Amino acid sequence: MKRSRFTEEQIIGILKEHEAGAKTVDVCRKHGI
């Protein structure tokens, strides 16, 4: 199985940031998704 670019902690942090009200586009750009 291919290794993820992000750790589980990073993914959780990104999702929490989005849930806090950040726009999807902004979150993706910030993290290079």
PDB file of N, CA and C in Angstrom:
ATOM      1  N   MET A   1       0.837  -1.180   0.000  1.00  0.00           N
ATOM      2  CA  MET A   1       0.000   0.000   0.000  1.00  0.00           C
ATOM      3  C   MET A   1       0.885   1.249   0.000  1.00  0.00           C
ATOM      4  N   LYS A   2       0.500   2.236  -0.804  1.00  0.00           N
ATOM      5  CA  LYS A   2       1.276   3.468  -0.909  1.00  0.00           C
ATOM      6  C   LYS A   2       1.169   4.287   0.375  1.00  0.00           C
ATOM      7  N   ARG A   3       2.304   4.840   0.803  1.00  0.00           N
ATOM      8  CA  ARG A   3       2.316   5.672   2.007  1.00  0.00           C
ATOM      9  C   ARG A   3       1.686   7.027   1.726  1.00  0.00           C
ATOM     10  N   SER A   4       0.949   7.533   2.673  1.00  0.00           N
ATOM     11  CA  SER A   4       0.288   8.825   2.530  1.00  0.00           C
ATOM     12  C   SER A   4       1.302   9.958   2.649  1.00  0.00           C
ATOM     13  N   ARG A   5       1.030  11.070   1.977  1.00  0.00           N
ATOM     14  CA  ARG A   5       1.882  12.253   2.090  1.00  0.00           C
ATOM     15  C   ARG A   5       1.750  12.900   3.456  1.00  0.00           C
ATOM     16  N   PHE A   6       0.601  12.681   4.094  1.00  0.00           N
ATOM     17  CA  PHE A   6       0.312  13.328   5.364  1.00  0.00           C
ATOM     18  C   PHE A   6       0.173  12.293   6.469  1.00  0.00           C
ATOM     19  N   THR A   7       0.621  12.667   7.668  1.00  0.00           N
ATOM     20  CA  THR A   7       0.426  11.777   8.811  1.00  0.00           C
ATOM     21  C   THR A   7      -1.030  11.885   9.256  1.00  0.00           C
ATOM     22  N   GLU A   8      -1.448  10.935  10.061  1.00  0.00           N
ATOM     23  CA  GLU A   8      -2.824  10.956  10.567  1.00  0.00           C
ATOM     24  C   GLU A   8      -3.099  12.247  11.343  1.00  0.00           C
ATOM     25  N   GLU A   9      -2.110  12.701  12.118  1.00  0.00           N
ATOM     26  CA  GLU A   9      -2.270  13.927  12.902  1.00  0.00           C
ATOM     27  C   GLU A   9      -2.456  15.134  11.996  1.00  0.00           C
ATOM     28  N   GLN A  10      -1.693  15.177  10.895  1.00  0.00           N
ATOM     29  CA  GLN A  10      -1.821  16.295   9.956  1.00  0.00           C
ATOM     30  C   GLN A  10      -3.206  16.313   9.320  1.00  0.00           C
ATOM     31  N   ILE A  11      -3.701  15.146   8.931  1.00  0.00           N
ATOM     32  CA  ILE A  11      -5.018  15.050   8.301  1.00  0.00           C
ATOM     33  C   ILE A  11      -6.096  15.528   9.270  1.00  0.00           C
ATOM     34  N   ILE A  12      -6.006  15.100  10.533  1.00  0.00           N
ATOM     35  CA  ILE A  12      -6.980  15.520  11.544  1.00  0.00           C
ATOM     36  C   ILE A  12      -6.931  17.040  11.717  1.00  0.00           C
ATOM     37  N   GLY A  13      -5.734  17.591  11.763  1.00  0.00           N
ATOM     38  CA  GLY A  13      -5.580  19.043  11.905  1.00  0.00           C
ATOM     39  C   GLY A  13      -6.182  19.800  10.736  1.00  0.00           C
ATOM     40  N   ILE A  14      -5.974  19.290   9.526  1.00  0.00           N
ATOM     41  CA  ILE A  14      -6.515  19.925   8.323  1.00  0.00           C
ATOM     42  C   ILE A  14      -8.043  19.881   8.353  1.00  0.00           C
ATOM     43  N   LEU A  15      -8.605  18.736   8.729  1.00  0.00           N
ATOM     44  CA  LEU A  15     -10.065  18.608   8.792  1.00  0.00           C
ATOM     45  C   LEU A  15     -10.657  19.524   9.864  1.00  0.00           C
ATOM     46  N   LYS A  16      -9.978  19.638  11.009  1.00  0.00           N
ATOM     47  CA  LYS A  16     -10.471  20.518  12.076  1.00  0.00           C
ATOM     48  C   LYS A  16     -10.439  21.969  11.611  1.00  0.00           C
ATOM     49  N   GLU A  17      -9.388  22.331  10.873  1.00  0.00           N
ATOM     50  CA  GLU A  17      -9.265  23.683  10.335  1.00  0.00           C
ATOM     51  C   GLU A  17     -10.455  23.978   9.413  1.00  0.00           C
ATOM     52  N   HIS A  18     -10.805  23.011   8.582  1.00  0.00           N
ATOM     53  CA  HIS A  18     -11.937  23.175   7.663  1.00  0.00           C
ATOM     54  C   HIS A  18     -13.248  23.282   8.436  1.00  0.00           C
ATOM     55  N   GLU A  19     -13.412  22.444   9.444  1.00  0.00           N
ATOM     56  CA  GLU A  19     -14.639  22.471  10.249  1.00  0.00           C
ATOM     57  C   GLU A  19     -14.778  23.786  11.015  1.00  0.00           C
ATOM     58  N   ALA A  20     -13.661  24.428  11.313  1.00  0.00           N
ATOM     59  CA  ALA A  20     -13.680  25.686  12.052  1.00  0.00           C
ATOM     60  C   ALA A  20     -14.163  26.843  11.176  1.00  0.00           C
ATOM     61  N   GLY A  21     -14.353  26.582   9.885  1.00  0.00           N
ATOM     62  CA  GLY A  21     -14.913  27.616   9.017  1.00  0.00           C
ATOM     63  C   GLY A  21     -14.026  28.050   7.869  1.00  0.00           C
ATOM     64  N   ALA A  22     -12.838  27.488   7.752  1.00  0.00           N
ATOM     65  CA  ALA A  22     -11.957  27.861   6.648  1.00  0.00           C
ATOM     66  C   ALA A  22     -12.525  27.316   5.341  1.00  0.00           C
ATOM     67  N   LYS A  23     -12.347  28.087   4.262  1.00  0.00           N
ATOM     68  CA  LYS A  23     -12.838  27.636   2.958  1.00  0.00           C
ATOM     69  C   LYS A  23     -11.985  26.478   2.464  1.00  0.00           C
ATOM     70  N   THR A  24     -12.623  25.539   1.782  1.00  0.00           N
ATOM     71  CA  THR A  24     -11.929  24.356   1.259  1.00  0.00           C
ATOM     72  C   THR A  24     -10.746  24.761   0.386  1.00  0.00           C
ATOM     73  N   VAL A  25     -10.960  25.727  -0.500  1.00  0.00           N
ATOM     74  CA  VAL A  25      -9.908  26.168  -1.422  1.00  0.00           C
ATOM     75  C   VAL A  25      -8.698  26.678  -0.652  1.00  0.00           C
ATOM     76  N   ASP A  26      -8.953  27.485   0.383  1.00  0.00           N
ATOM     77  CA  ASP A  26      -7.855  28.053   1.170  1.00  0.00           C
ATOM     78  C   ASP A  26      -7.078  26.974   1.918  1.00  0.00           C
ATOM     79  N   VAL A  27      -7.802  26.028   2.506  1.00  0.00           N
ATOM     80  CA  VAL A  27      -7.153  24.940   3.251  1.00  0.00           C
ATOM     81  C   VAL A  27      -6.287  24.107   2.303  1.00  0.00           C
ATOM     82  N   CYS A  28      -6.829  23.780   1.143  1.00  0.00           N
ATOM     83  CA  CYS A  28      -6.088  22.967   0.167  1.00  0.00           C
ATOM     84  C   CYS A  28      -4.829  23.679  -0.301  1.00  0.00           C
ATOM     85  N   ARG A  29      -4.944  24.966  -0.601  1.00  0.00           N
ATOM     86  CA  ARG A  29      -3.772  25.729  -1.055  1.00  0.00           C
ATOM     87  C   ARG A  29      -2.703  25.781   0.021  1.00  0.00           C
ATOM     88  N   LYS A  30      -3.127  26.042   1.258  1.00  0.00           N
ATOM     89  CA  LYS A  30      -2.192  26.168   2.383  1.00  0.00           C
ATOM     90  C   LYS A  30      -1.380  24.893   2.584  1.00  0.00           C
ATOM     91  N   HIS A  31      -2.034  23.735   2.398  1.00  0.00           N
ATOM     92  CA  HIS A  31      -1.379  22.456   2.669  1.00  0.00           C
ATOM     93  C   HIS A  31      -0.887  21.745   1.416  1.00  0.00           C
ATOM     94  N   GLY A  32      -1.042  22.375   0.253  1.00  0.00           N
ATOM     95  CA  GLY A  32      -0.541  21.790  -0.992  1.00  0.00           C
ATOM     96  C   GLY A  32      -1.284  20.546  -1.437  1.00  0.00           C
ATOM     97  N   ILE A  33      -2.583  20.542  -1.215  1.00  0.00           N
ATOM     98  CA  ILE A  33      -3.391  19.384  -1.614  1.00  0.00           C
ATOM     99  C   ILE A  33      -3.883  19.615  -3.029  1.00  0.00           C
TER     100      ILE A  33
END
